[in-house]
C-alpha atoms as a PDB file:
ATOM      1  CA  MET A   1      -8.483  23.416  34.441  1.00  0.00           C
ATOM      2  CA  SER A   2     -12.261  23.307  32.439  1.00  0.00           C
ATOM      3  CA  GLY A   3     -11.552  26.055  30.419  1.00  0.00           C
ATOM      4  CA  GLY A   4      -8.091  24.532  29.626  1.00  0.00           C
ATOM      5  CA  LEU A   5     -10.743  21.586  29.032  1.00  0.00           C
ATOM      6  CA  LEU A   6     -12.864  23.278  26.901  1.00  0.00           C
ATOM      7  CA  GLY A   7     -10.549  25.086  24.774  1.00  0.00           C
ATOM      8  CA  ARG A   8      -8.739  21.639  23.535  1.00  0.00           C
ATOM      9  CA  ALA A   9     -12.414  20.014  23.215  1.00  0.00           C
ATOM     10  CA  GLN A  10     -13.066  23.031  21.024  1.00  0.00           C
ATOM     11  CA  ARG A  11     -10.004  22.375  18.776  1.00  0.00           C
ATOM     12  CA  ALA A  12     -10.700  19.064  18.545  1.00  0.00           C
ATOM     13  CA  LEU A  13     -13.747  19.706  17.080  1.00  0.00           C
ATOM     14  CA  GLU A  14     -12.282  22.325  14.349  1.00  0.00           C
ATOM     15  CA  GLU A  15      -9.451  19.836  13.322  1.00  0.00           C
ATOM     16  CA  THR A  16     -12.119  16.585  13.002  1.00  0.00           C
ATOM     17  CA  GLY A  17     -14.360  19.480  11.079  1.00  0.00           C
ATOM     18  CA  SER A  18     -11.244  20.367   9.133  1.00  0.00           C
ATOM     19  CA  VAL A  19     -10.313  17.146   8.226  1.00  0.00           C
ATOM     20  CA  ALA A  20     -13.980  16.380   7.467  1.00  0.00           C
ATOM     21  CA  VAL A  21     -14.280  19.439   5.130  1.00  0.00           C
ATOM     22  CA  LEU A  22     -10.532  17.893   3.623  1.00  0.00           C
ATOM     23  CA  GLY A  23     -11.917  14.509   2.772  1.00  0.00           C
ATOM     24  CA  LEU A  24     -14.583  15.866   1.338  1.00  0.00           C
ATOM     25  CA  ARG A  25     -12.942  17.770  -1.062  1.00  0.00           C
ATOM     26  CA  PHE A  26     -10.801  14.999  -1.649  1.00  0.00           C
ATOM     27  CA  VAL A  27     -13.591  13.024  -2.750  1.00  0.00           C
ATOM     28  CA  ARG A  28     -15.133  15.572  -4.692  1.00  0.00           C
ATOM     29  CA  THR A  29     -11.971  16.230  -6.632  1.00  0.00           C
ATOM     30  CA  LEU A  30     -11.562  12.567  -7.094  1.00  0.00           C
ATOM     31  CA  PHE A  31     -14.421  12.483  -9.336  1.00  0.00           C
ATOM     32  CA  THR A  32     -14.735  15.513 -10.883  1.00  0.00           C
ATOM     33  CA  THR A  33     -10.733  15.791 -12.580  1.00  0.00           C
ATOM     34  CA  ARG A  34      -8.359  14.035 -14.333  1.00  0.00           C
ATOM     35  CA  PHE A  35      -6.590  11.629 -12.296  1.00  0.00           C
ATOM     36  CA  ASP A  36      -3.069  11.567 -11.915  1.00  0.00           C
ATOM     37  CA  TRP A  37      -1.604   8.262 -12.641  1.00  0.00           C
ATOM     38  CA  ARG A  38       1.862   9.048 -12.596  1.00  0.00           C
ATOM     39  CA  SER A  39       1.730  10.374  -9.489  1.00  0.00           C
ATOM     40  CA  PHE A  40      -0.373   7.484  -7.786  1.00  0.00           C
ATOM     41  CA  VAL A  41       1.918   5.435  -9.145  1.00  0.00           C
ATOM     42  CA  TYR A  42       5.378   7.096  -7.472  1.00  0.00           C
ATOM     43  CA  GLN A  43       3.408   7.070  -4.769  1.00  0.00           C
ATOM     44  CA  VAL A  44       2.287   3.558  -4.562  1.00  0.00           C
ATOM     45  CA  GLU A  45       6.079   2.844  -4.706  1.00  0.00           C
ATOM     46  CA  GLN A  46       6.673   5.307  -1.914  1.00  0.00           C
ATOM     47  CA  LEU A  47       4.206   4.352   0.281  1.00  0.00           C
ATOM     48  CA  GLY A  48       3.220   0.601  -0.104  1.00  0.00           C
ATOM     49  CA  VAL A  49       6.609  -0.923  -1.723  1.00  0.00           C
ATOM     50  CA  ARG A  50       9.039   1.446   1.025  1.00  0.00           C
ATOM     51  CA  SER A  51       6.454   0.080   3.706  1.00  0.00           C
ATOM     52  CA  LEU A  52       6.808  -3.715   3.154  1.00  0.00           C
ATOM     53  CA  ALA A  53       9.894  -4.476   5.177  1.00  0.00           C
ATOM     54  CA  ILE A  54       8.384  -2.927   8.225  1.00  0.00           C
ATOM     55  CA  ALA A  55       5.152  -5.071   7.438  1.00  0.00           C
ATOM     56  CA  SER A  56       6.869  -8.306   6.778  1.00  0.00           C
ATOM     57  CA  ALA A  57       9.565  -7.897   9.912  1.00  0.00           C
ATOM     58  CA  THR A  58       6.627  -6.549  12.307  1.00  0.00           C
ATOM     59  CA  ALA A  59       3.811  -9.567  10.670  1.00  0.00           C
ATOM     60  CA  VAL A  60       6.430 -12.465  11.587  1.00  0.00           C
ATOM     61  CA  PHE A  61       7.607 -11.833  15.078  1.00  0.00           C
ATOM     62  CA  VAL A  62       3.698 -10.957  15.883  1.00  0.00           C
ATOM     63  CA  GLY A  63       3.083 -14.826  14.832  1.00  0.00           C
ATOM     64  CA  MET A  64       6.083 -16.221  16.126  1.00  0.00           C
ATOM     65  CA  VAL A  65       4.984 -14.484  19.590  1.00  0.00           C
ATOM     66  CA  MET A  66       1.401 -15.407  18.779  1.00  0.00           C
ATOM     67  CA  ALA A  67       2.282 -18.817  18.950  1.00  0.00           C
ATOM     68  CA  ILE A  68       4.724 -19.237  21.309  1.00  0.00           C
ATOM     69  CA  GLN A  69       2.341 -17.850  24.464  1.00  0.00           C
ATOM     70  CA  PHE A  70      -1.153 -19.610  23.278  1.00  0.00           C
ATOM     71  CA  GLY A  71       1.247 -22.708  22.630  1.00  0.00           C
ATOM     72  CA  PHE A  72       2.717 -22.599  25.622  1.00  0.00           C
ATOM     73  CA  PHE A  73      -0.913 -22.512  27.301  1.00  0.00           C
ATOM     74  CA  MET A  74      -2.328 -24.853  24.973  1.00  0.00           C
ATOM     75  CA  GLU A  75      -0.123 -27.065  25.510  1.00  0.00           C
ATOM     76  CA  LYS A  76      -0.385 -27.478  29.122  1.00  0.00           C
ATOM     77  CA  TYR A  77      -4.148 -27.835  29.131  1.00  0.00           C
ATOM     78  CA  GLY A  78      -3.901 -30.760  26.067  1.00  0.00           C
ATOM     79  CA  ALA A  79      -5.319 -28.677  23.571  1.00  0.00           C
ATOM     80  CA  LYS A  80      -2.148 -27.792  21.922  1.00  0.00           C
ATOM     81  CA  GLU A  81      -3.509 -29.230  18.278  1.00  0.00           C
ATOM     82  CA  ALA A  82      -6.175 -26.440  17.615  1.00  0.00           C
ATOM     83  CA  LEU A  83      -2.881 -23.887  17.967  1.00  0.00           C
ATOM     84  CA  GLY A  84      -3.764 -23.305  13.920  1.00  0.00           C
ATOM     85  CA  LYS A  85      -7.209 -22.595  14.613  1.00  0.00           C
ATOM     86  CA  VAL A  86      -6.781 -20.031  17.510  1.00  0.00           C
ATOM     87  CA  ILE A  87      -3.911 -17.982  15.442  1.00  0.00           C
ATOM     88  CA  SER A  88      -5.155 -18.287  12.210  1.00  0.00           C
ATOM     89  CA  ILE A  89      -8.834 -16.495  13.255  1.00  0.00           C
ATOM     90  CA  SER A  90      -6.749 -14.202  15.520  1.00  0.00           C
ATOM     91  CA  GLU A  91      -4.240 -12.786  12.373  1.00  0.00           C
ATOM     92  CA  ALA A  92      -7.426 -12.895  10.176  1.00  0.00           C
ATOM     93  CA  ARG A  93      -9.777 -10.943  11.985  1.00  0.00           C
ATOM     94  CA  GLU A  94      -7.287  -8.299  14.150  1.00  0.00           C
ATOM     95  CA  LEU A  95      -3.569  -8.482  14.122  1.00  0.00           C
ATOM     96  CA  ALA A  96      -2.638  -8.406  10.254  1.00  0.00           C
ATOM     97  CA  PRO A  97      -5.247  -5.895   9.385  1.00  0.00           C
ATOM     98  CA  ALA A  98      -5.305  -3.982  12.793  1.00  0.00           C
ATOM     99  CA  LEU A  99      -1.372  -3.884  13.954  1.00  0.00           C
ATOM    100  CA  THR A 100      -0.090  -3.611  10.289  1.00  0.00           C
ATOM    101  CA  SER A 101      -2.106  -1.013   9.779  1.00  0.00           C
ATOM    102  CA  LEU A 102      -0.928   0.657  12.736  1.00  0.00           C
ATOM    103  CA  VAL A 103       2.632   0.428  12.507  1.00  0.00           C
ATOM    104  CA  VAL A 104       2.331   0.868   8.012  1.00  0.00           C
ATOM    105  CA  GLY A 105       0.061   4.266   9.291  1.00  0.00           C
ATOM    106  CA  SER A 106       2.564   5.431  11.629  1.00  0.00           C
ATOM    107  CA  ARG A 107       5.390   5.597   8.695  1.00  0.00           C
ATOM    108  CA  ILE A 108       3.464   7.182   6.088  1.00  0.00           C
ATOM    109  CA  ALA A 109       1.030   9.659   7.741  1.00  0.00           C
ATOM    110  CA  ALA A 110       4.691  10.677   9.457  1.00  0.00           C
ATOM    111  CA  GLY A 111       6.366  10.704   6.404  1.00  0.00           C
ATOM    112  CA  MET A 112       2.879  12.414   4.639  1.00  0.00           C
ATOM    113  CA  ALA A 113       3.288  15.253   7.607  1.00  0.00           C
ATOM    114  CA  ALA A 114       6.982  15.666   6.993  1.00  0.00           C
ATOM    115  CA  GLU A 115       6.779  16.157   3.322  1.00  0.00           C
ATOM    116  CA  LEU A 116       3.651  18.490   2.927  1.00  0.00           C
ATOM    117  CA  GLY A 117       5.038  19.911   6.218  1.00  0.00           C
ATOM    118  CA  SER A 118       8.210  21.315   4.323  1.00  0.00           C
ATOM    119  CA  MET A 119       6.978  22.013   1.180  1.00  0.00           C
ATOM    120  CA  SER A 120       4.158  24.261   3.416  1.00  0.00           C
ATOM    121  CA  VAL A 121       7.031  26.423   5.373  1.00  0.00           C
ATOM    122  CA  THR A 122       8.556  26.841   1.769  1.00  0.00           C
ATOM    123  CA  GLU A 123       5.639  28.317  -0.240  1.00  0.00           C
ATOM    124  CA  GLN A 124       5.782  25.575  -2.359  1.00  0.00           C
ATOM    125  CA  ILE A 125       1.574  24.501  -1.750  1.00  0.00           C
ATOM    126  CA  ASP A 126       1.202  28.434  -2.289  1.00  0.00           C
ATOM    127  CA  ALA A 127       3.158  28.521  -5.529  1.00  0.00           C
ATOM    128  CA  ILE A 128       1.149  25.190  -6.635  1.00  0.00           C
ATOM    129  CA  ARG A 129      -1.928  27.809  -5.977  1.00  0.00           C
ATOM    130  CA  ALA A 130      -0.644  30.990  -8.012  1.00  0.00           C
ATOM    131  CA  LEU A 131       0.130  28.871 -10.827  1.00  0.00           C
ATOM    132  CA  GLY A 132      -3.335  28.139 -10.978  1.00  0.00           C
ATOM    133  CA  ALA A 133      -2.695  24.134 -10.135  1.00  0.00           C
ATOM    134  CA  ASP A 134      -5.430  22.670  -7.446  1.00  0.00           C
ATOM    135  CA  PRO A 135      -3.385  21.501  -4.375  1.00  0.00           C
ATOM    136  CA  ILE A 136      -5.585  17.934  -3.416  1.00  0.00           C
ATOM    137  CA  ARG A 137      -5.390  17.184  -6.947  1.00  0.00           C
ATOM    138  CA  LYS A 138      -1.476  17.342  -7.317  1.00  0.00           C
ATOM    139  CA  LEU A 139      -0.764  16.597  -3.414  1.00  0.00           C
ATOM    140  CA  VAL A 140      -3.659  14.419  -1.570  1.00  0.00           C
ATOM    141  CA  VAL A 141      -5.191  12.743  -4.137  1.00  0.00           C
ATOM    142  CA  PRO A 142      -2.885  10.539  -5.298  1.00  0.00           C
ATOM    143  CA  ARG A 143      -1.813   9.958  -1.592  1.00  0.00           C
ATOM    144  CA  VAL A 144      -5.283   8.878  -0.440  1.00  0.00           C
ATOM    145  CA  VAL A 145      -6.228   6.714  -3.393  1.00  0.00           C
ATOM    146  CA  ALA A 146      -2.293   4.969  -2.979  1.00  0.00           C
ATOM    147  CA  SER A 147      -2.509   4.303   0.622  1.00  0.00           C
ATOM    148  CA  ILE A 148      -6.817   3.045   0.320  1.00  0.00           C
ATOM    149  CA  VAL A 149      -5.481   0.612  -2.976  1.00  0.00           C
ATOM    150  CA  ILE A 150      -2.014  -0.658  -0.671  1.00  0.00           C
ATOM    151  CA  MET A 151      -3.047  -1.273   2.761  1.00  0.00           C
ATOM    152  CA  PRO A 152      -5.353  -4.263   2.026  1.00  0.00           C
ATOM    153  CA  LEU A 153      -2.527  -5.971   0.090  1.00  0.00           C
ATOM    154  CA  ILE A 154       0.115  -5.402   3.203  1.00  0.00           C
ATOM    155  CA  ALA A 155      -2.610  -6.929   5.376  1.00  0.00           C
ATOM    156  CA  ALA A 156      -2.383 -10.116   3.152  1.00  0.00           C
ATOM    157  CA  ILE A 157       1.218 -10.346   3.182  1.00  0.00           C
ATOM    158  CA  ALA A 158       1.008  -9.454   6.376  1.00  0.00           C
ATOM    159  CA  LEU A 159      -1.770 -12.733   7.246  1.00  0.00           C
ATOM    160  CA  LEU A 160       0.581 -14.681   4.984  1.00  0.00           C
ATOM    161  CA  LEU A 161       3.528 -14.096   7.087  1.00  0.00           C
ATOM    162  CA  GLY A 162       2.491 -14.170  10.425  1.00  0.00           C
ATOM    163  CA  LEU A 163       0.648 -17.758   9.450  1.00  0.00           C
ATOM    164  CA  ALA A 164       4.030 -18.876   8.193  1.00  0.00           C
ATOM    165  CA  ALA A 165       5.906 -17.854  10.998  1.00  0.00           C
ATOM    166  CA  ALA A 166       3.205 -18.834  14.032  1.00  0.00           C
ATOM    167  CA  MET A 167       3.672 -22.691  11.924  1.00  0.00           C
ATOM    168  CA  PHE A 168       7.248 -22.573  11.815  1.00  0.00           C
ATOM    169  CA  ILE A 169       7.044 -21.861  16.397  1.00  0.00           C
ATOM    170  CA  ALA A 170       4.507 -24.773  16.393  1.00  0.00           C
ATOM    171  CA  ASN A 171       6.594 -27.087  14.116  1.00  0.00           C
ATOM    172  CA  VAL A 172       9.853 -26.517  16.237  1.00  0.00           C
ATOM    173  CA  SER A 173       9.000 -26.061  19.382  1.00  0.00           C
ATOM    174  CA  TYR A 174       5.763 -28.029  19.955  1.00  0.00           C
ATOM    175  CA  GLY A 175       6.481 -30.822  17.389  1.00  0.00           C
ATOM    176  CA  ILE A 176       2.604 -29.987  15.572  1.00  0.00           C
ATOM    177  CA  PRO A 177       3.064 -31.482  12.058  1.00  0.00           C
ATOM    178  CA  VAL A 178       2.732 -28.515   9.418  1.00  0.00           C
ATOM    179  CA  PRO A 179       0.011 -30.298   7.582  1.00  0.00           C
ATOM    180  CA  GLN A 180      -1.964 -30.530  11.173  1.00  0.00           C
ATOM    181  CA  PHE A 181      -1.535 -26.515  11.199  1.00  0.00           C
ATOM    182  CA  ILE A 182      -2.415 -26.109   7.903  1.00  0.00           C
ATOM    183  CA  SER A 183      -5.317 -28.427   7.929  1.00  0.00           C
ATOM    184  CA  ALA A 184      -6.872 -26.974  11.814  1.00  0.00           C
ATOM    185  CA  ALA A 185      -6.262 -23.433  10.268  1.00  0.00           C
ATOM    186  CA  LEU A 186      -8.585 -23.691   6.810  1.00  0.00           C
ATOM    187  CA  ASP A 187     -11.037 -25.416   8.900  1.00  0.00           C
ATOM    188  CA  GLY A 188     -11.573 -22.754  11.913  1.00  0.00           C
ATOM    189  CA  VAL A 189     -11.300 -19.712   9.679  1.00  0.00           C
ATOM    190  CA  THR A 190     -14.041 -18.339   6.855  1.00  0.00           C
ATOM    191  CA  MET A 191     -13.947 -16.862   4.501  1.00  0.00           C
ATOM    192  CA  GLN A 192     -16.201 -14.076   6.403  1.00  0.00           C
ATOM    193  CA  ASP A 193     -13.500 -13.621   9.073  1.00  0.00           C
ATOM    194  CA  TYR A 194     -11.007 -12.619   6.227  1.00  0.00           C
ATOM    195  CA  LEU A 195     -12.841 -10.511   4.578  1.00  0.00           C
ATOM    196  CA  SER A 196     -14.163  -8.931   8.140  1.00  0.00           C
ATOM    197  CA  GLY A 197     -10.285  -8.215   8.889  1.00  0.00           C
ATOM    198  CA  LEU A 198      -9.396  -7.144   5.496  1.00  0.00           C
ATOM    199  CA  SER A 199     -11.890  -5.349   4.713  1.00  0.00           C
ATOM    200  CA  LYS A 200     -11.133  -3.022   7.125  1.00  0.00           C
ATOM    201  CA  THR A 201      -7.584  -2.041   5.769  1.00  0.00           C
ATOM    202  CA  PRO A 202      -9.379   0.856   3.060  1.00  0.00           C
ATOM    203  CA  VAL A 203     -10.587   2.416   5.783  1.00  0.00           C
ATOM    204  CA  PHE A 204      -7.378   2.442   7.719  1.00  0.00           C
ATOM    205  CA  GLY A 205      -5.694   3.295   4.448  1.00  0.00           C
ATOM    206  CA  PHE A 206      -7.889   6.608   3.790  1.00  0.00           C
ATOM    207  CA  LEU A 207      -7.566   7.700   7.352  1.00  0.00           C
ATOM    208  CA  ILE A 208      -4.232   7.466   7.239  1.00  0.00           C
ATOM    209  CA  ALA A 209      -3.348   9.335   4.025  1.00  0.00           C
ATOM    210  CA  ILE A 210      -6.092  12.376   4.832  1.00  0.00           C
ATOM    211  CA  LEU A 211      -4.863  12.520   8.457  1.00  0.00           C
ATOM    212  CA  GLY A 212      -1.425  13.085   6.757  1.00  0.00           C
ATOM    213  CA  CYS A 213      -2.218  15.182   4.280  1.00  0.00           C
ATOM    214  CA  TYR A 214      -4.487  17.495   6.704  1.00  0.00           C
ATOM    215  CA  PHE A 215      -0.920  17.904   9.179  1.00  0.00           C
ATOM    216  CA  GLY A 216       1.493  18.631   6.968  1.00  0.00           C
ATOM    217  CA  MET A 217      -0.564  21.092   4.585  1.00  0.00           C
ATOM    218  CA  GLY A 218      -1.640  23.073   7.780  1.00  0.00           C
ATOM    219  CA  THR A 219       2.126  22.651   9.072  1.00  0.00           C
ATOM    220  CA  ARG A 220       3.471  26.338  10.241  1.00  0.00           C
ATOM    221  CA  GLY A 221       6.533  27.889  11.917  1.00  0.00           C
ATOM    222  CA  GLY A 222       9.923  26.506   9.910  1.00  0.00           C
ATOM    223  CA  THR A 223      11.045  22.889  10.654  1.00  0.00           C
ATOM    224  CA  GLU A 224       9.850  23.475  13.953  1.00  0.00           C
ATOM    225  CA  GLY A 225       6.341  23.101  12.590  1.00  0.00           C
ATOM    226  CA  VAL A 226       7.404  19.966  10.554  1.00  0.00           C
ATOM    227  CA  GLY A 227       8.394  18.789  13.566  1.00  0.00           C
ATOM    228  CA  ARG A 228       5.219  19.206  15.306  1.00  0.00           C
ATOM    229  CA  SER A 229       3.082  18.323  12.954  1.00  0.00           C
ATOM    230  CA  THR A 230       4.900  14.939  12.208  1.00  0.00           C
ATOM    231  CA  THR A 231       4.935  14.052  15.971  1.00  0.00           C
ATOM    232  CA  ARG A 232       1.014  14.997  15.941  1.00  0.00           C
ATOM    233  CA  SER A 233       0.510  12.927  13.073  1.00  0.00           C
ATOM    234  CA  VAL A 234       1.379   9.558  14.178  1.00  0.00           C
ATOM    235  CA  VAL A 235      -0.170  10.224  17.648  1.00  0.00           C
ATOM    236  CA  VAL A 236      -3.696  11.201  15.993  1.00  0.00           C
ATOM    237  CA  VAL A 237      -3.042   7.986  13.433  1.00  0.00           C
ATOM    238  CA  SER A 238      -2.141   5.962  15.680  1.00  0.00           C
ATOM    239  CA  ILE A 239      -5.526   6.399  17.826  1.00  0.00           C
ATOM    240  CA  THR A 240      -7.744   6.923  15.419  1.00  0.00           C
ATOM    241  CA  ILE A 241      -6.777   3.179  13.978  1.00  0.00           C
ATOM    242  CA  LEU A 242      -7.347   2.239  17.186  1.00  0.00           C
ATOM    243  CA  VAL A 243     -11.004   3.883  17.342  1.00  0.00           C
ATOM    244  CA  ALA A 244     -12.098   2.694  13.864  1.00  0.00           C
ATOM    245  CA  ASP A 245     -10.863  -0.612  14.314  1.00  0.00           C
ATOM    246  CA  ALA A 246     -13.232  -0.736  17.569  1.00  0.00           C
ATOM    247  CA  LEU A 247     -16.106   0.346  15.911  1.00  0.00           C
ATOM    248  CA  LEU A 248     -15.555  -1.427  12.612  1.00  0.00           C
ATOM    249  CA  THR A 249     -15.031  -4.969  14.566  1.00  0.00           C
ATOM    250  CA  GLN A 250     -18.520  -4.273  16.677  1.00  0.00           C
ATOM    251  CA  ILE A 251     -20.199  -3.783  13.004  1.00  0.00           C
ATOM    252  CA  PHE A 252     -18.399  -7.216  11.701  1.00  0.00           C
ATOM    253  CA  VAL A 253     -19.075  -8.881  14.527  1.00  0.00           C
ATOM    254  CA  ALA A 254     -23.251  -7.601  14.528  1.00  0.00           C
ATOM    255  CA  LEU A 255     -23.414  -8.470  10.771  1.00  0.00           C
END
């Protein structure tokens, strides 16, 4: 039992080191080679535009559920006028950035792991090296930069949609006028609240993409290996986002 746990811990440390090395290679390649703008734009479309549907759906229904749950208890205690303030703070600081990154990040990481994993098992990545090109520049850099850029934008859209959905439920279910909800939301949230939430998302974007690329490029074992890499990427990315969110939240609260 102890040997198995030690072995797993050792593998986890080795993989953490490998991911860190890949991250350093990404930074070095980004600043020392020519940036591939065409691949970047393509990845923004693949990772960002195609993630808007799931991000929007998540934001809308989470906003509705938040309004229903908080509104029920706040109406019971005669404090429903503050519903806009409570929901706006929750959405701005935590739900929009973290939950959106969790859902969208799982999709992005799985897609990267499957795509790069297929290239790895069919030796396309080896062919890129054989042609004298750098796989980090061709495959990793555009994906990571695109992920860093799109995550704040998707989180901002999710924040607006979540608040709009909550405002609709507050008006329909609890009779809170739209101007009153908006006024409470604006009074309760400061610019620091918005920035503390959105500033997490570039970090999430980096972690999502670098892990997706790592598991994809390290795929071995044919189609079965692609499936394993995809599954592991989703699990590891989800846990990593939650851990990073806890650490970043503590840091921003302490500031």
